């Protein structure tokens, strides 16, 4: 029976795609370790793959969206789970969310009638679905980094900071989200993003000439965990303007699609960069 193949590197991905038959149907599954719906989607796809024989012209590939950011960006992945069906280098359809029935019916729609016909029971679908995907992932990132001479926009904190009470933490977070007119809470720093989603958002801010402060949530677990509850937004990156949450990468893309001047009030394209926060 077919299996869900874990792709460990970009080289392995490129080799697998290159060696696949032009008539093969590829099911590309983008996931992230922190996203709870991905755990169930992994089970769904493992079960679905097992209904097809080994010699069936169908490949199920599992890709960590953050560990392989260039691959993710090439498929415009902005949230997970995200599934792309591809044949002969062309995208047939993309599915966001955790709807097991939709995933199965879509795969079967594009698969040949030579399917083994097995109908193993799939786990029930989750009610949550991913936000609508926006087209056109940003690529060719510039090496943005705040100047050393720029003033800090918030107090410095580290992972050694003594654990705060909830009131103290909320007060700290309230100050952090307002530390600059535009604040980005990301994995890594603008010059060295640690996930593909953070990298894309940094690039979008850079291309729109936005001067912004940033906070590396990987350097402070108290902020990382506390901000999820504070903002009622479970994932990163998170972008704030004037202290108000805008959202993650997908929401920012939607805002720009509907209003190209969304960042106009914060644009300083005559300057080379914005202030940063040492985290």
C-alpha atoms as a PDB file:
ATOM      1  CA  UNK A   1       0.000   0.000   0.000  1.00  0.00           C
ATOM      2  CA  UNK A   2       1.036   3.620  -0.507  1.00  0.00           C
ATOM      3  CA  UNK A   3       2.354   5.647   2.434  1.00  0.00           C
ATOM      4  CA  UNK A   4       2.678   9.270   3.477  1.00  0.00           C
ATOM      5  CA  UNK A   5       6.328  10.094   2.759  1.00  0.00           C
ATOM      6  CA  UNK A   6       8.092  12.591   5.035  1.00  0.00           C
ATOM      7  CA  UNK A   7      10.223  15.078   3.079  1.00  0.00           C
ATOM      8  CA  UNK A   8      13.271  15.974   5.152  1.00  0.00           C
ATOM      9  CA  UNK A   9      14.983  18.561   2.953  1.00  0.00           C
ATOM     10  CA  UNK A  10      14.524  20.794  -0.055  1.00  0.00           C
ATOM     11  CA  UNK A  11      16.938  18.599  -2.023  1.00  0.00           C
ATOM     12  CA  UNK A  12      14.823  15.525  -1.302  1.00  0.00           C
ATOM     13  CA  UNK A  13      11.689  17.411  -2.318  1.00  0.00           C
ATOM     14  CA  UNK A  14      13.192  18.618  -5.596  1.00  0.00           C
ATOM     15  CA  UNK A  15      14.534  15.147  -6.382  1.00  0.00           C
ATOM     16  CA  UNK A  16      11.176  13.521  -5.634  1.00  0.00           C
ATOM     17  CA  UNK A  17       9.312  15.990  -7.837  1.00  0.00           C
ATOM     18  CA  UNK A  18      11.862  15.629 -10.632  1.00  0.00           C
ATOM     19  CA  UNK A  19      11.764  11.829 -10.615  1.00  0.00           C
ATOM     20  CA  UNK A  20       7.992  11.568 -10.419  1.00  0.00           C
ATOM     21  CA  UNK A  21       6.204  10.407 -13.552  1.00  0.00           C
ATOM     22  CA  UNK A  22       4.466  13.235 -15.467  1.00  0.00           C
ATOM     23  CA  UNK A  23       1.244  11.256 -15.079  1.00  0.00           C
ATOM     24  CA  UNK A  24       1.652  10.824 -11.319  1.00  0.00           C
ATOM     25  CA  UNK A  25      -0.726  12.619  -8.983  1.00  0.00           C
ATOM     26  CA  UNK A  26       1.183  14.295  -6.152  1.00  0.00           C
ATOM     27  CA  UNK A  27      -0.536  15.143  -2.880  1.00  0.00           C
ATOM     28  CA  UNK A  28       1.637  17.760  -1.153  1.00  0.00           C
ATOM     29  CA  UNK A  29       0.744  18.135   2.510  1.00  0.00           C
ATOM     30  CA  UNK A  30       2.137  21.212   4.303  1.00  0.00           C
ATOM     31  CA  UNK A  31       2.082  21.052   8.091  1.00  0.00           C
ATOM     32  CA  UNK A  32       3.645  22.574  11.220  1.00  0.00           C
ATOM     33  CA  UNK A  33       4.439  20.936  14.549  1.00  0.00           C
ATOM     34  CA  UNK A  34       2.657  23.638  16.567  1.00  0.00           C
ATOM     35  CA  UNK A  35      -0.625  23.420  14.643  1.00  0.00           C
ATOM     36  CA  UNK A  36      -3.022  21.014  16.391  1.00  0.00           C
ATOM     37  CA  UNK A  37      -5.185  20.362  13.290  1.00  0.00           C
ATOM     38  CA  UNK A  38      -2.119  18.980  11.516  1.00  0.00           C
ATOM     39  CA  UNK A  39      -1.978  16.007  13.893  1.00  0.00           C
ATOM     40  CA  UNK A  40      -5.394  14.853  12.733  1.00  0.00           C
ATOM     41  CA  UNK A  41      -4.716  15.686   9.089  1.00  0.00           C
ATOM     42  CA  UNK A  42      -1.598  13.510   9.237  1.00  0.00           C
ATOM     43  CA  UNK A  43      -3.742  10.579  10.373  1.00  0.00           C
ATOM     44  CA  UNK A  44      -6.299  11.341   7.660  1.00  0.00           C
ATOM     45  CA  UNK A  45      -3.687  11.294   4.910  1.00  0.00           C
ATOM     46  CA  UNK A  46      -1.921   8.206   6.256  1.00  0.00           C
ATOM     47  CA  UNK A  47      -5.257   6.403   6.201  1.00  0.00           C
ATOM     48  CA  UNK A  48      -6.140   7.694   2.756  1.00  0.00           C
ATOM     49  CA  UNK A  49      -2.750   6.715   1.329  1.00  0.00           C
ATOM     50  CA  UNK A  50      -3.186   3.180   2.651  1.00  0.00           C
ATOM     51  CA  UNK A  51      -6.243   2.710   0.413  1.00  0.00           C
ATOM     52  CA  UNK A  52      -4.040   2.841  -2.698  1.00  0.00           C
ATOM     53  CA  UNK A  53      -1.637   0.069  -3.816  1.00  0.00           C
ATOM     54  CA  UNK A  54       2.122   0.646  -4.047  1.00  0.00           C
ATOM     55  CA  UNK A  55       2.070   0.545  -7.834  1.00  0.00           C
ATOM     56  CA  UNK A  56      -0.629   3.186  -8.084  1.00  0.00           C
ATOM     57  CA  UNK A  57       0.645   6.360  -9.751  1.00  0.00           C
ATOM     58  CA  UNK A  58       0.047   8.484  -6.651  1.00  0.00           C
ATOM     59  CA  UNK A  59       2.476  10.059  -4.167  1.00  0.00           C
ATOM     60  CA  UNK A  60       1.624  11.475  -0.742  1.00  0.00           C
ATOM     61  CA  UNK A  61       4.352  13.864   0.492  1.00  0.00           C
ATOM     62  CA  UNK A  62       4.454  15.428   3.972  1.00  0.00           C
ATOM     63  CA  UNK A  63       6.324  18.754   4.202  1.00  0.00           C
ATOM     64  CA  UNK A  64       7.093  20.806   7.312  1.00  0.00           C
ATOM     65  CA  UNK A  65       6.130  24.313   6.193  1.00  0.00           C
ATOM     66  CA  UNK A  66       8.548  26.016   8.586  1.00  0.00           C
ATOM     67  CA  UNK A  67      11.552  23.753   8.075  1.00  0.00           C
ATOM     68  CA  UNK A  68      11.277  24.077   4.288  1.00  0.00           C
ATOM     69  CA  UNK A  69      10.244  27.735   3.889  1.00  0.00           C
ATOM     70  CA  UNK A  70      11.336  28.072   0.263  1.00  0.00           C
ATOM     71  CA  UNK A  71       9.159  25.152  -0.751  1.00  0.00           C
ATOM     72  CA  UNK A  72       6.249  26.591   1.239  1.00  0.00           C
ATOM     73  CA  UNK A  73       6.629  30.006  -0.363  1.00  0.00           C
ATOM     74  CA  UNK A  74       6.698  28.502  -3.853  1.00  0.00           C
ATOM     75  CA  UNK A  75       3.211  27.092  -3.176  1.00  0.00           C
ATOM     76  CA  UNK A  76       1.894  30.251  -1.460  1.00  0.00           C
ATOM     77  CA  UNK A  77       1.442  28.488   1.871  1.00  0.00           C
ATOM     78  CA  UNK A  78       0.317  30.964   4.537  1.00  0.00           C
ATOM     79  CA  UNK A  79      -1.474  28.646   6.975  1.00  0.00           C
ATOM     80  CA  UNK A  80      -1.559  24.960   7.815  1.00  0.00           C
ATOM     81  CA  UNK A  81      -2.735  22.318   7.214  1.00  0.00           C
ATOM     82  CA  UNK A  82      -2.585  23.042   3.505  1.00  0.00           C
ATOM     83  CA  UNK A  83      -2.760  20.475   0.711  1.00  0.00           C
ATOM     84  CA  UNK A  84      -1.810  20.920  -2.926  1.00  0.00           C
ATOM     85  CA  UNK A  85      -2.677  18.399  -5.640  1.00  0.00           C
ATOM     86  CA  UNK A  86      -0.201  18.542  -8.496  1.00  0.00           C
ATOM     87  CA  UNK A  87       0.385  16.674 -11.744  1.00  0.00           C
ATOM     88  CA  UNK A  88       3.154  17.218 -14.304  1.00  0.00           C
ATOM     89  CA  UNK A  89       4.318  20.343 -12.487  1.00  0.00           C
ATOM     90  CA  UNK A  90       0.887  21.980 -12.531  1.00  0.00           C
ATOM     91  CA  UNK A  91      -1.306  22.686  -9.515  1.00  0.00           C
ATOM     92  CA  UNK A  92      -4.732  21.088  -9.933  1.00  0.00           C
ATOM     93  CA  UNK A  93      -6.318  22.218  -6.677  1.00  0.00           C
ATOM     94  CA  UNK A  94      -5.398  23.438  -3.187  1.00  0.00           C
ATOM     95  CA  UNK A  95      -7.248  22.698   0.047  1.00  0.00           C
ATOM     96  CA  UNK A  96      -6.934  24.620   3.294  1.00  0.00           C
ATOM     97  CA  UNK A  97      -8.267  23.264   6.569  1.00  0.00           C
ATOM     98  CA  UNK A  98      -9.008  19.867   8.086  1.00  0.00           C
ATOM     99  CA  UNK A  99     -12.085  18.593   6.272  1.00  0.00           C
ATOM    100  CA  UNK A 100     -11.412  14.851   5.837  1.00  0.00           C
ATOM    101  CA  UNK A 101     -14.314  14.301   3.456  1.00  0.00           C
ATOM    102  CA  UNK A 102     -13.216  17.154   1.202  1.00  0.00           C
ATOM    103  CA  UNK A 103      -9.616  15.940   1.133  1.00  0.00           C
ATOM    104  CA  UNK A 104     -10.649  12.384   0.258  1.00  0.00           C
ATOM    105  CA  UNK A 105     -13.156  13.404  -2.420  1.00  0.00           C
ATOM    106  CA  UNK A 106     -10.675  15.805  -4.015  1.00  0.00           C
ATOM    107  CA  UNK A 107      -7.923  13.176  -4.175  1.00  0.00           C
ATOM    108  CA  UNK A 108     -10.341  10.630  -5.615  1.00  0.00           C
ATOM    109  CA  UNK A 109     -11.557  13.161  -8.168  1.00  0.00           C
ATOM    110  CA  UNK A 110      -8.090  13.498  -9.670  1.00  0.00           C
ATOM    111  CA  UNK A 111      -6.929   9.928  -9.111  1.00  0.00           C
ATOM    112  CA  UNK A 112      -7.378   7.326 -11.846  1.00  0.00           C
ATOM    113  CA  UNK A 113     -10.243   4.827 -11.756  1.00  0.00           C
ATOM    114  CA  UNK A 114      -7.546   2.199 -11.109  1.00  0.00           C
ATOM    115  CA  UNK A 115      -7.826   2.961  -7.397  1.00  0.00           C
ATOM    116  CA  UNK A 116      -7.887  -0.108  -5.181  1.00  0.00           C
ATOM    117  CA  UNK A 117     -11.311   1.008  -4.055  1.00  0.00           C
ATOM    118  CA  UNK A 118     -10.419   0.607  -0.389  1.00  0.00           C
ATOM    119  CA  UNK A 119     -12.443   2.859   1.873  1.00  0.00           C
ATOM    120  CA  UNK A 120     -10.703   2.807   5.209  1.00  0.00           C
ATOM    121  CA  UNK A 121     -12.508   4.819   7.863  1.00  0.00           C
ATOM    122  CA  UNK A 122     -11.235   8.357   8.170  1.00  0.00           C
ATOM    123  CA  UNK A 123     -11.242  10.374  11.396  1.00  0.00           C
ATOM    124  CA  UNK A 124     -14.070  12.919  11.644  1.00  0.00           C
ATOM    125  CA  UNK A 125     -13.338  16.340  10.211  1.00  0.00           C
ATOM    126  CA  UNK A 126     -12.416  19.234  12.439  1.00  0.00           C
ATOM    127  CA  UNK A 127     -14.789  22.151  12.342  1.00  0.00           C
ATOM    128  CA  UNK A 128     -11.979  24.690  12.090  1.00  0.00           C
ATOM    129  CA  UNK A 129     -10.751  25.614   8.624  1.00  0.00           C
ATOM    130  CA  UNK A 130      -7.808  27.671   7.460  1.00  0.00           C
ATOM    131  CA  UNK A 131      -8.379  31.284   6.347  1.00  0.00           C
ATOM    132  CA  UNK A 132      -8.833  31.915   2.655  1.00  0.00           C
ATOM    133  CA  UNK A 133      -5.508  31.793   0.906  1.00  0.00           C
ATOM    134  CA  UNK A 134      -4.195  34.868  -0.849  1.00  0.00           C
ATOM    135  CA  UNK A 135      -2.303  34.494  -4.113  1.00  0.00           C
ATOM    136  CA  UNK A 136       1.262  35.581  -4.670  1.00  0.00           C
ATOM    137  CA  UNK A 137       3.729  34.712  -1.923  1.00  0.00           C
ATOM    138  CA  UNK A 138       6.523  37.229  -1.491  1.00  0.00           C
ATOM    139  CA  UNK A 139       9.924  36.011  -2.600  1.00  0.00           C
ATOM    140  CA  UNK A 140      13.484  37.352  -3.016  1.00  0.00           C
ATOM    141  CA  UNK A 141      13.795  38.735   0.496  1.00  0.00           C
ATOM    142  CA  UNK A 142      16.133  41.632   1.120  1.00  0.00           C
ATOM    143  CA  UNK A 143      18.468  41.337   4.091  1.00  0.00           C
ATOM    144  CA  UNK A 144      16.701  43.846   6.288  1.00  0.00           C
ATOM    145  CA  UNK A 145      18.120  44.512   9.734  1.00  0.00           C
ATOM    146  CA  UNK A 146      17.533  47.530  12.032  1.00  0.00           C
ATOM    147  CA  UNK A 147      20.493  49.842  12.442  1.00  0.00           C
ATOM    148  CA  UNK A 148      22.476  49.533  15.655  1.00  0.00           C
ATOM    149  CA  UNK A 149      22.003  53.269  16.216  1.00  0.00           C
ATOM    150  CA  UNK A 150      18.217  53.004  16.220  1.00  0.00           C
ATOM    151  CA  UNK A 151      16.683  53.557  19.672  1.00  0.00           C
ATOM    152  CA  UNK A 152      15.063  50.607  21.370  1.00  0.00           C
ATOM    153  CA  UNK A 153      11.293  50.669  21.136  1.00  0.00           C
ATOM    154  CA  UNK A 154      10.666  48.507  24.209  1.00  0.00           C
ATOM    155  CA  UNK A 155      12.500  47.300  27.304  1.00  0.00           C
ATOM    156  CA  UNK A 156      14.853  44.383  26.843  1.00  0.00           C
ATOM    157  CA  UNK A 157      13.798  41.048  28.266  1.00  0.00           C
ATOM    158  CA  UNK A 158      15.314  37.618  28.202  1.00  0.00           C
ATOM    159  CA  UNK A 159      14.320  34.064  28.983  1.00  0.00           C
ATOM    160  CA  UNK A 160      15.943  34.532  32.388  1.00  0.00           C
ATOM    161  CA  UNK A 161      13.289  37.038  33.404  1.00  0.00           C
ATOM    162  CA  UNK A 162      11.538  36.029  36.631  1.00  0.00           C
ATOM    163  CA  UNK A 163       8.077  34.607  35.968  1.00  0.00           C
ATOM    164  CA  UNK A 164       5.469  37.328  36.280  1.00  0.00           C
ATOM    165  CA  UNK A 165       1.986  37.229  37.698  1.00  0.00           C
ATOM    166  CA  UNK A 166      -0.808  37.346  35.136  1.00  0.00           C
ATOM    167  CA  UNK A 167      -1.445  41.011  35.889  1.00  0.00           C
ATOM    168  CA  UNK A 168       2.242  41.856  35.483  1.00  0.00           C
ATOM    169  CA  UNK A 169       2.486  39.829  32.293  1.00  0.00           C
ATOM    170  CA  UNK A 170      -0.608  41.461  30.809  1.00  0.00           C
ATOM    171  CA  UNK A 171       0.790  44.880  31.626  1.00  0.00           C
ATOM    172  CA  UNK A 172       4.100  43.950  30.030  1.00  0.00           C
ATOM    173  CA  UNK A 173       2.396  42.622  26.903  1.00  0.00           C
ATOM    174  CA  UNK A 174       0.189  45.709  26.704  1.00  0.00           C
ATOM    175  CA  UNK A 175       3.325  47.849  26.659  1.00  0.00           C
ATOM    176  CA  UNK A 176       5.072  45.606  24.138  1.00  0.00           C
ATOM    177  CA  UNK A 177       2.294  45.645  21.533  1.00  0.00           C
ATOM    178  CA  UNK A 178       2.362  49.464  21.688  1.00  0.00           C
ATOM    179  CA  UNK A 179       6.144  49.775  21.741  1.00  0.00           C
ATOM    180  CA  UNK A 180       6.142  50.949  18.114  1.00  0.00           C
ATOM    181  CA  UNK A 181       3.333  52.067  15.768  1.00  0.00           C
ATOM    182  CA  UNK A 182       3.837  48.740  13.966  1.00  0.00           C
ATOM    183  CA  UNK A 183       4.983  45.790  16.078  1.00  0.00           C
ATOM    184  CA  UNK A 184       5.887  42.362  14.713  1.00  0.00           C
ATOM    185  CA  UNK A 185       6.088  39.386  17.065  1.00  0.00           C
ATOM    186  CA  UNK A 186       7.991  36.794  15.091  1.00  0.00           C
ATOM    187  CA  UNK A 187      10.151  33.690  15.258  1.00  0.00           C
ATOM    188  CA  UNK A 188      13.702  34.962  14.928  1.00  0.00           C
ATOM    189  CA  UNK A 189      14.772  38.414  13.786  1.00  0.00           C
ATOM    190  CA  UNK A 190      14.189  40.327  10.523  1.00  0.00           C
ATOM    191  CA  UNK A 191      17.692  39.483   9.321  1.00  0.00           C
ATOM    192  CA  UNK A 192      17.391  35.830  10.387  1.00  0.00           C
ATOM    193  CA  UNK A 193      13.760  34.645  10.450  1.00  0.00           C
ATOM    194  CA  UNK A 194      13.273  31.210  12.002  1.00  0.00           C
ATOM    195  CA  UNK A 195      10.112  30.246  10.092  1.00  0.00           C
ATOM    196  CA  UNK A 196       8.788  30.737   6.599  1.00  0.00           C
ATOM    197  CA  UNK A 197       5.706  32.664   7.714  1.00  0.00           C
ATOM    198  CA  UNK A 198       7.803  35.171   9.675  1.00  0.00           C
ATOM    199  CA  UNK A 199      10.143  35.506   6.705  1.00  0.00           C
ATOM    200  CA  UNK A 200       7.284  36.298   4.320  1.00  0.00           C
ATOM    201  CA  UNK A 201       5.781  38.889   6.663  1.00  0.00           C
ATOM    202  CA  UNK A 202       9.153  40.609   7.136  1.00  0.00           C
ATOM    203  CA  UNK A 203       9.498  40.774   3.353  1.00  0.00           C
ATOM    204  CA  UNK A 204       6.010  42.277   2.973  1.00  0.00           C
ATOM    205  CA  UNK A 205       6.785  44.977   5.540  1.00  0.00           C
ATOM    206  CA  UNK A 206      10.097  45.685   3.857  1.00  0.00           C
ATOM    207  CA  UNK A 207       8.563  45.948   0.382  1.00  0.00           C
ATOM    208  CA  UNK A 208       5.915  48.338   1.689  1.00  0.00           C
ATOM    209  CA  UNK A 209       8.533  50.520   3.358  1.00  0.00           C
ATOM    210  CA  UNK A 210       7.101  49.989   6.830  1.00  0.00           C
ATOM    211  CA  UNK A 211       9.128  51.103   9.827  1.00  0.00           C
ATOM    212  CA  UNK A 212       8.420  48.661  12.616  1.00  0.00           C
ATOM    213  CA  UNK A 213       9.565  47.223  15.892  1.00  0.00           C
ATOM    214  CA  UNK A 214       9.961  43.487  16.369  1.00  0.00           C
ATOM    215  CA  UNK A 215      10.151  40.993  19.186  1.00  0.00           C
ATOM    216  CA  UNK A 216      11.746  37.562  18.882  1.00  0.00           C
ATOM    217  CA  UNK A 217       9.265  35.330  20.718  1.00  0.00           C
ATOM    218  CA  UNK A 218      11.725  32.398  20.615  1.00  0.00           C
ATOM    219  CA  UNK A 219      13.924  34.294  23.078  1.00  0.00           C
ATOM    220  CA  UNK A 220      11.209  34.689  25.700  1.00  0.00           C
ATOM    221  CA  UNK A 221       8.778  31.847  26.310  1.00  0.00           C
ATOM    222  CA  UNK A 222       6.736  33.915  28.774  1.00  0.00           C
ATOM    223  CA  UNK A 223       5.895  36.406  26.031  1.00  0.00           C
ATOM    224  CA  UNK A 224       5.433  33.617  23.492  1.00  0.00           C
ATOM    225  CA  UNK A 225       2.831  31.780  25.579  1.00  0.00           C
ATOM    226  CA  UNK A 226       1.268  34.839  27.183  1.00  0.00           C
ATOM    227  CA  UNK A 227       0.674  36.661  23.911  1.00  0.00           C
ATOM    228  CA  UNK A 228      -1.433  33.774  22.580  1.00  0.00           C
ATOM    229  CA  UNK A 229      -3.967  34.348  25.360  1.00  0.00           C
ATOM    230  CA  UNK A 230      -3.530  38.125  25.437  1.00  0.00           C
ATOM    231  CA  UNK A 231      -4.334  38.452  21.737  1.00  0.00           C
ATOM    232  CA  UNK A 232      -6.604  35.418  21.490  1.00  0.00           C
ATOM    233  CA  UNK A 233      -4.466  34.427  18.499  1.00  0.00           C
ATOM    234  CA  UNK A 234      -2.688  31.054  18.848  1.00  0.00           C
ATOM    235  CA  UNK A 235       0.027  31.300  16.185  1.00  0.00           C
ATOM    236  CA  UNK A 236       2.972  33.443  15.128  1.00  0.00           C
ATOM    237  CA  UNK A 237       3.909  35.770  13.560  1.00  0.00           C
ATOM    238  CA  UNK A 238       1.501  38.377  14.928  1.00  0.00           C
ATOM    239  CA  UNK A 239       1.364  41.946  13.649  1.00  0.00           C
ATOM    240  CA  UNK A 240       0.021  44.918  15.602  1.00  0.00           C
ATOM    241  CA  UNK A 241      -0.641  48.483  14.489  1.00  0.00           C
ATOM    242  CA  UNK A 242      -1.087  51.181  17.128  1.00  0.00           C
ATOM    243  CA  UNK A 243      -1.499  48.483  19.756  1.00  0.00           C
ATOM    244  CA  UNK A 244      -4.278  46.619  17.931  1.00  0.00           C
ATOM    245  CA  UNK A 245      -3.882  43.122  16.541  1.00  0.00           C
ATOM    246  CA  UNK A 246      -4.032  42.854  12.751  1.00  0.00           C
ATOM    247  CA  UNK A 247      -3.379  39.121  12.652  1.00  0.00           C
ATOM    248  CA  UNK A 248      -0.970  36.694  11.046  1.00  0.00           C
ATOM    249  CA  UNK A 249       0.494  36.452   7.557  1.00  0.00           C
ATOM    250  CA  UNK A 250      -2.731  35.387   5.864  1.00  0.00           C
ATOM    251  CA  UNK A 251      -4.724  38.259   7.397  1.00  0.00           C
ATOM    252  CA  UNK A 252      -2.080  40.825   6.448  1.00  0.00           C
ATOM    253  CA  UNK A 253      -2.149  39.509   2.874  1.00  0.00           C
ATOM    254  CA  UNK A 254      -5.927  39.844   2.790  1.00  0.00           C
ATOM    255  CA  UNK A 255      -5.719  43.415   4.094  1.00  0.00           C
ATOM    256  CA  UNK A 256      -3.208  44.354   1.394  1.00  0.00           C
ATOM    257  CA  UNK A 257      -5.251  42.653  -1.303  1.00  0.00           C
ATOM    258  CA  UNK A 258      -8.340  44.640  -0.340  1.00  0.00           C
ATOM    259  CA  UNK A 259      -6.453  47.877   0.364  1.00  0.00           C
ATOM    260  CA  UNK A 260      -2.994  48.357  -1.219  1.00  0.00           C
ATOM    261  CA  UNK A 261      -2.561  51.480   0.961  1.00  0.00           C
ATOM    262  CA  UNK A 262      -3.107  49.533   4.187  1.00  0.00           C
ATOM    263  CA  UNK A 263       0.397  50.469   5.420  1.00  0.00           C
ATOM    264  CA  UNK A 264       0.394  54.000   4.003  1.00  0.00           C
ATOM    265  CA  UNK A 265       0.340  55.674   7.433  1.00  0.00           C
ATOM    266  CA  UNK A 266       3.398  53.667   8.484  1.00  0.00           C
ATOM    267  CA  UNK A 267       5.399  53.817   5.259  1.00  0.00           C
ATOM    268  CA  UNK A 268       8.787  55.527   5.356  1.00  0.00           C
ATOM    269  CA  UNK A 269      10.325  54.349   2.107  1.00  0.00           C
ATOM    270  CA  UNK A 270      12.878  57.113   2.190  1.00  0.00           C
ATOM    271  CA  UNK A 271      14.431  55.421   5.219  1.00  0.00           C
ATOM    272  CA  UNK A 272      16.444  52.222   5.093  1.00  0.00           C
ATOM    273  CA  UNK A 273      14.745  50.391   7.912  1.00  0.00           C
ATOM    274  CA  UNK A 274      12.977  50.556  11.231  1.00  0.00           C
ATOM    275  CA  UNK A 275      13.766  50.232  14.891  1.00  0.00           C
ATOM    276  CA  UNK A 276      14.031  46.860  16.473  1.00  0.00           C
ATOM    277  CA  UNK A 277      13.700  45.342  19.912  1.00  0.00           C
ATOM    278  CA  UNK A 278      16.499  43.307  21.380  1.00  0.00           C
ATOM    279  CA  UNK A 279      14.920  40.140  22.636  1.00  0.00           C
END
